[in-house]
Amino acid sequence: MAEKTIVLVCAAGMSTSMLVKKMQEAAIEQGLDREIYAIASSEVDKKLSEDEINVLLLGPQVRFLKNEFESKVSGKNIPVEVIPNVDYGTMNGTNVLKLAESLTN
């Protein structure tokens, strides 16, 4: 099991998979033990009950769900943040990983 689990949430779980790959590469380069995966917003409840999640990052296309997810993780010490448009659009895995790390330190 990884030291931390970072979950990226998007509309269908597909476009974010490229960003996950970039983040995984950045984590390896930095020597970080991270489990990073993408899921559709409809799958979050199931994953929250099954997995130990350390941070939820929302794709810009589901930013409107931030308050809903913050309510769902209330009391669980799981930060929820929206991935900046520029980092999502350029698939900047290093910056998005840095964001996740800043939320869990």
N, C-alpha and C. Protein backbone atom coordinates (compact mmCIF):
# COMPACT_ATOMS: atom_id res chain seq x y z
N MET A 1 0.84 -1.19 0.00
CA MET A 1 0.00 0.00 0.00
C MET A 1 0.88 1.25 0.00
N ALA A 2 0.51 2.21 -0.80
CA ALA A 2 1.27 3.44 -0.93
C ALA A 2 1.14 4.31 0.32
N GLU A 3 2.10 5.22 0.51
CA GLU A 3 2.06 6.14 1.65
C GLU A 3 0.84 7.04 1.58
N LYS A 4 0.49 7.49 0.37
CA LYS A 4 -0.67 8.36 0.18
C LYS A 4 -1.41 7.96 -1.08
N THR A 5 -2.72 8.18 -1.06
CA THR A 5 -3.55 7.92 -2.22
C THR A 5 -4.18 9.22 -2.67
N ILE A 6 -3.96 9.53 -3.94
CA ILE A 6 -4.48 10.75 -4.56
C ILE A 6 -5.49 10.34 -5.62
N VAL A 7 -6.70 10.86 -5.51
CA VAL A 7 -7.76 10.50 -6.44
C VAL A 7 -8.17 11.74 -7.23
N LEU A 8 -8.15 11.59 -8.55
CA LEU A 8 -8.59 12.65 -9.45
C LEU A 8 -10.00 12.31 -9.91
N VAL A 9 -10.88 13.27 -9.82
CA VAL A 9 -12.29 13.07 -10.16
C VAL A 9 -12.61 13.86 -11.41
N CYS A 10 -13.23 13.20 -12.37
CA CYS A 10 -13.64 13.89 -13.59
C CYS A 10 -15.03 13.42 -13.99
N ALA A 11 -15.52 13.92 -15.08
CA ALA A 11 -16.89 13.61 -15.51
C ALA A 11 -17.04 12.12 -15.85
N ALA A 12 -16.10 11.59 -16.63
CA ALA A 12 -16.23 10.19 -17.05
C ALA A 12 -15.04 9.34 -16.64
N GLY A 13 -14.00 9.92 -16.10
CA GLY A 13 -12.83 9.15 -15.67
C GLY A 13 -11.84 8.86 -16.78
N MET A 14 -12.03 9.46 -17.97
CA MET A 14 -11.15 9.13 -19.09
C MET A 14 -10.09 10.19 -19.34
N SER A 15 -10.49 11.44 -19.51
CA SER A 15 -9.51 12.47 -19.86
C SER A 15 -8.46 12.63 -18.77
N THR A 16 -8.83 12.39 -17.57
CA THR A 16 -7.91 12.57 -16.45
C THR A 16 -6.87 11.47 -16.38
N SER A 17 -7.09 10.36 -17.05
CA SER A 17 -6.12 9.25 -16.99
C SER A 17 -4.76 9.65 -17.55
N MET A 18 -4.73 10.55 -18.52
CA MET A 18 -3.44 11.03 -19.04
C MET A 18 -2.70 11.83 -17.97
N LEU A 19 -3.44 12.64 -17.24
CA LEU A 19 -2.84 13.43 -16.17
C LEU A 19 -2.34 12.52 -15.05
N VAL A 20 -3.07 11.47 -14.74
CA VAL A 20 -2.64 10.50 -13.74
C VAL A 20 -1.28 9.92 -14.12
N LYS A 21 -1.12 9.55 -15.38
CA LYS A 21 0.15 8.99 -15.84
C LYS A 21 1.29 9.98 -15.63
N LYS A 22 1.06 11.24 -15.95
CA LYS A 22 2.09 12.28 -15.77
C LYS A 22 2.40 12.46 -14.28
N MET A 23 1.39 12.41 -13.45
CA MET A 23 1.60 12.54 -12.01
C MET A 23 2.38 11.35 -11.46
N GLN A 24 2.07 10.15 -11.94
CA GLN A 24 2.79 8.96 -11.50
C GLN A 24 4.27 9.06 -11.88
N GLU A 25 4.54 9.54 -13.08
CA GLU A 25 5.91 9.72 -13.52
C GLU A 25 6.63 10.73 -12.62
N ALA A 26 5.96 11.83 -12.29
CA ALA A 26 6.55 12.85 -11.42
C ALA A 26 6.81 12.30 -10.03
N ALA A 27 5.90 11.49 -9.52
CA ALA A 27 6.08 10.90 -8.19
C ALA A 27 7.29 9.98 -8.17
N ILE A 28 7.45 9.19 -9.21
CA ILE A 28 8.60 8.28 -9.30
C ILE A 28 9.90 9.09 -9.35
N GLU A 29 9.91 10.13 -10.17
CA GLU A 29 11.10 10.99 -10.28
C GLU A 29 11.47 11.60 -8.93
N GLN A 30 10.46 11.91 -8.12
CA GLN A 30 10.68 12.54 -6.82
C GLN A 30 10.85 11.54 -5.69
N GLY A 31 10.78 10.26 -6.02
CA GLY A 31 10.94 9.22 -5.01
C GLY A 31 9.77 9.12 -4.04
N LEU A 32 8.59 9.49 -4.50
CA LEU A 32 7.39 9.46 -3.65
C LEU A 32 6.59 8.19 -3.90
N ASP A 33 6.13 7.57 -2.83
CA ASP A 33 5.31 6.37 -2.91
C ASP A 33 3.84 6.78 -2.89
N ARG A 34 3.25 6.92 -4.07
CA ARG A 34 1.88 7.41 -4.19
C ARG A 34 1.05 6.51 -5.08
N GLU A 35 -0.17 6.26 -4.64
CA GLU A 35 -1.16 5.63 -5.51
C GLU A 35 -1.99 6.77 -6.06
N ILE A 36 -2.06 6.85 -7.38
CA ILE A 36 -2.79 7.93 -8.03
C ILE A 36 -3.70 7.30 -9.07
N TYR A 37 -4.97 7.63 -9.01
CA TYR A 37 -5.89 7.12 -10.02
C TYR A 37 -7.03 8.10 -10.26
N ALA A 38 -7.70 7.90 -11.39
CA ALA A 38 -8.83 8.75 -11.77
C ALA A 38 -10.11 7.95 -11.74
N ILE A 39 -11.17 8.62 -11.32
CA ILE A 39 -12.49 7.99 -11.31
C ILE A 39 -13.54 9.01 -11.77
N ALA A 40 -14.64 8.49 -12.22
CA ALA A 40 -15.78 9.34 -12.57
C ALA A 40 -16.43 9.85 -11.29
N SER A 41 -17.02 11.02 -11.36
CA SER A 41 -17.65 11.60 -10.17
C SER A 41 -18.72 10.67 -9.58
N SER A 42 -19.35 9.88 -10.41
CA SER A 42 -20.38 8.96 -9.93
C SER A 42 -19.82 7.79 -9.11
N GLU A 43 -18.50 7.58 -9.17
CA GLU A 43 -17.86 6.47 -8.46
C GLU A 43 -17.29 6.87 -7.10
N VAL A 44 -17.29 8.15 -6.78
CA VAL A 44 -16.60 8.63 -5.58
C VAL A 44 -17.14 8.01 -4.30
N ASP A 45 -18.45 7.93 -4.15
CA ASP A 45 -19.02 7.38 -2.92
C ASP A 45 -18.51 5.96 -2.66
N LYS A 46 -18.50 5.16 -3.70
CA LYS A 46 -18.03 3.77 -3.56
C LYS A 46 -16.57 3.73 -3.14
N LYS A 47 -15.73 4.55 -3.78
CA LYS A 47 -14.30 4.56 -3.45
C LYS A 47 -14.04 5.07 -2.04
N LEU A 48 -14.82 6.05 -1.61
CA LEU A 48 -14.65 6.58 -0.25
C LEU A 48 -14.93 5.50 0.79
N SER A 49 -15.86 4.60 0.49
CA SER A 49 -16.18 3.54 1.44
C SER A 49 -15.19 2.37 1.36
N GLU A 50 -14.50 2.22 0.23
CA GLU A 50 -13.59 1.09 0.04
C GLU A 50 -12.13 1.41 0.32
N ASP A 51 -11.68 2.60 -0.06
CA ASP A 51 -10.26 2.93 -0.04
C ASP A 51 -9.95 4.01 0.99
N GLU A 52 -8.70 4.01 1.44
CA GLU A 52 -8.22 5.12 2.26
C GLU A 52 -7.66 6.16 1.30
N ILE A 53 -8.34 7.26 1.21
CA ILE A 53 -7.98 8.33 0.28
C ILE A 53 -7.43 9.50 1.07
N ASN A 54 -6.32 10.08 0.59
CA ASN A 54 -5.70 11.20 1.29
C ASN A 54 -6.06 12.55 0.70
N VAL A 55 -6.39 12.60 -0.58
CA VAL A 55 -6.77 13.87 -1.21
C VAL A 55 -7.64 13.60 -2.44
N LEU A 56 -8.64 14.45 -2.64
CA LEU A 56 -9.49 14.40 -3.83
C LEU A 56 -9.21 15.65 -4.66
N LEU A 57 -8.82 15.45 -5.89
CA LEU A 57 -8.60 16.56 -6.81
C LEU A 57 -9.65 16.49 -7.91
N LEU A 58 -10.35 17.59 -8.09
CA LEU A 58 -11.43 17.62 -9.08
C LEU A 58 -10.95 18.23 -10.38
N GLY A 59 -11.29 17.59 -11.49
CA GLY A 59 -11.01 18.17 -12.79
C GLY A 59 -11.85 19.43 -12.96
N PRO A 60 -11.36 20.38 -13.74
CA PRO A 60 -12.10 21.63 -13.92
C PRO A 60 -13.54 21.43 -14.39
N GLN A 61 -13.79 20.37 -15.14
CA GLN A 61 -15.13 20.13 -15.67
C GLN A 61 -16.13 19.72 -14.58
N VAL A 62 -15.66 19.33 -13.39
CA VAL A 62 -16.57 18.97 -12.30
C VAL A 62 -16.37 19.89 -11.08
N ARG A 63 -15.79 21.05 -11.31
CA ARG A 63 -15.54 22.00 -10.21
C ARG A 63 -16.82 22.35 -9.45
N PHE A 64 -17.95 22.30 -10.14
CA PHE A 64 -19.23 22.64 -9.52
C PHE A 64 -19.63 21.65 -8.43
N LEU A 65 -18.95 20.50 -8.35
CA LEU A 65 -19.24 19.48 -7.35
C LEU A 65 -18.39 19.62 -6.08
N LYS A 66 -17.55 20.64 -6.02
CA LYS A 66 -16.62 20.77 -4.89
C LYS A 66 -17.34 20.79 -3.55
N ASN A 67 -18.36 21.61 -3.40
CA ASN A 67 -19.07 21.69 -2.11
C ASN A 67 -19.70 20.35 -1.73
N GLU A 68 -20.23 19.66 -2.73
CA GLU A 68 -20.84 18.35 -2.48
C GLU A 68 -19.80 17.35 -1.96
N PHE A 69 -18.63 17.33 -2.58
CA PHE A 69 -17.58 16.39 -2.14
C PHE A 69 -17.00 16.80 -0.79
N GLU A 70 -16.90 18.10 -0.53
CA GLU A 70 -16.43 18.54 0.78
C GLU A 70 -17.38 18.07 1.88
N SER A 71 -18.67 18.09 1.59
CA SER A 71 -19.66 17.59 2.56
C SER A 71 -19.51 16.09 2.78
N LYS A 72 -19.27 15.36 1.69
CA LYS A 72 -19.15 13.91 1.79
C LYS A 72 -17.94 13.48 2.61
N VAL A 73 -16.87 14.26 2.57
CA VAL A 73 -15.64 13.88 3.29
C VAL A 73 -15.50 14.64 4.61
N SER A 74 -16.51 15.40 4.97
CA SER A 74 -16.47 16.17 6.21
C SER A 74 -16.16 15.24 7.39
N GLY A 75 -15.17 15.63 8.18
CA GLY A 75 -14.78 14.84 9.34
C GLY A 75 -13.80 13.72 9.03
N LYS A 76 -13.47 13.52 7.76
CA LYS A 76 -12.54 12.45 7.37
C LYS A 76 -11.13 12.96 7.09
N ASN A 77 -10.93 14.27 7.22
CA ASN A 77 -9.62 14.87 6.98
C ASN A 77 -9.10 14.58 5.56
N ILE A 78 -9.99 14.70 4.59
CA ILE A 78 -9.63 14.52 3.18
C ILE A 78 -9.83 15.86 2.48
N PRO A 79 -8.74 16.53 2.11
CA PRO A 79 -8.90 17.80 1.40
C PRO A 79 -9.45 17.58 -0.01
N VAL A 80 -10.22 18.57 -0.46
CA VAL A 80 -10.81 18.56 -1.80
C VAL A 80 -10.40 19.86 -2.47
N GLU A 81 -9.84 19.76 -3.67
CA GLU A 81 -9.42 20.96 -4.39
C GLU A 81 -9.65 20.75 -5.89
N VAL A 82 -9.85 21.87 -6.59
CA VAL A 82 -10.02 21.83 -8.04
C VAL A 82 -8.65 22.00 -8.69
N ILE A 83 -8.36 21.16 -9.67
CA ILE A 83 -7.10 21.27 -10.42
C ILE A 83 -7.16 22.55 -11.26
N PRO A 84 -6.14 23.38 -11.17
CA PRO A 84 -6.14 24.62 -11.98
C PRO A 84 -6.26 24.31 -13.48
N ASN A 85 -7.05 25.14 -14.16
CA ASN A 85 -7.28 24.95 -15.60
C ASN A 85 -5.98 24.81 -16.39
N VAL A 86 -5.02 25.68 -16.11
CA VAL A 86 -3.79 25.67 -16.90
C VAL A 86 -3.02 24.36 -16.70
N ASP A 87 -2.97 23.85 -15.47
CA ASP A 87 -2.26 22.59 -15.23
C ASP A 87 -3.00 21.40 -15.82
N TYR A 88 -4.33 21.46 -15.77
CA TYR A 88 -5.12 20.38 -16.37
C TYR A 88 -4.96 20.41 -17.90
N GLY A 89 -5.09 21.60 -18.46
CA GLY A 89 -5.02 21.74 -19.92
C GLY A 89 -3.68 21.37 -20.51
N THR A 90 -2.61 21.62 -19.75
CA THR A 90 -1.27 21.28 -20.24
C THR A 90 -0.80 19.93 -19.73
N MET A 91 -1.66 19.24 -18.98
CA MET A 91 -1.33 17.94 -18.40
C MET A 91 -0.02 18.01 -17.59
N ASN A 92 0.08 19.04 -16.76
CA ASN A 92 1.29 19.26 -15.96
C ASN A 92 1.21 18.43 -14.68
N GLY A 93 1.65 17.18 -14.80
CA GLY A 93 1.60 16.26 -13.67
C GLY A 93 2.43 16.70 -12.49
N THR A 94 3.55 17.37 -12.76
CA THR A 94 4.41 17.83 -11.67
C THR A 94 3.69 18.86 -10.82
N ASN A 95 3.04 19.83 -11.45
CA ASN A 95 2.32 20.86 -10.70
C ASN A 95 1.12 20.30 -9.95
N VAL A 96 0.41 19.39 -10.56
CA VAL A 96 -0.77 18.83 -9.91
C VAL A 96 -0.34 17.95 -8.73
N LEU A 97 0.76 17.23 -8.88
CA LEU A 97 1.30 16.45 -7.77
C LEU A 97 1.71 17.39 -6.64
N LYS A 98 2.34 18.48 -6.99
CA LYS A 98 2.76 19.48 -5.99
C LYS A 98 1.54 20.01 -5.23
N LEU A 99 0.45 20.26 -5.95
CA LEU A 99 -0.79 20.71 -5.32
C LEU A 99 -1.28 19.66 -4.32
N ALA A 100 -1.33 18.41 -4.75
CA ALA A 100 -1.80 17.33 -3.86
C ALA A 100 -0.94 17.22 -2.63
N GLU A 101 0.36 17.30 -2.82
CA GLU A 101 1.29 17.21 -1.69
C GLU A 101 1.10 18.36 -0.72
N SER A 102 0.84 19.55 -1.23
CA SER A 102 0.66 20.72 -0.36
C SER A 102 -0.61 20.58 0.49
N LEU A 103 -1.58 19.83 0.00
CA LEU A 103 -2.84 19.66 0.72
C LEU A 103 -2.75 18.60 1.80
N THR A 104 -1.76 17.73 1.70
CA THR A 104 -1.69 16.59 2.64
C THR A 104 -0.52 16.71 3.61
N ASN A 105 0.19 17.79 3.59
CA ASN A 105 1.33 17.95 4.52
C ASN A 105 0.89 18.62 5.80
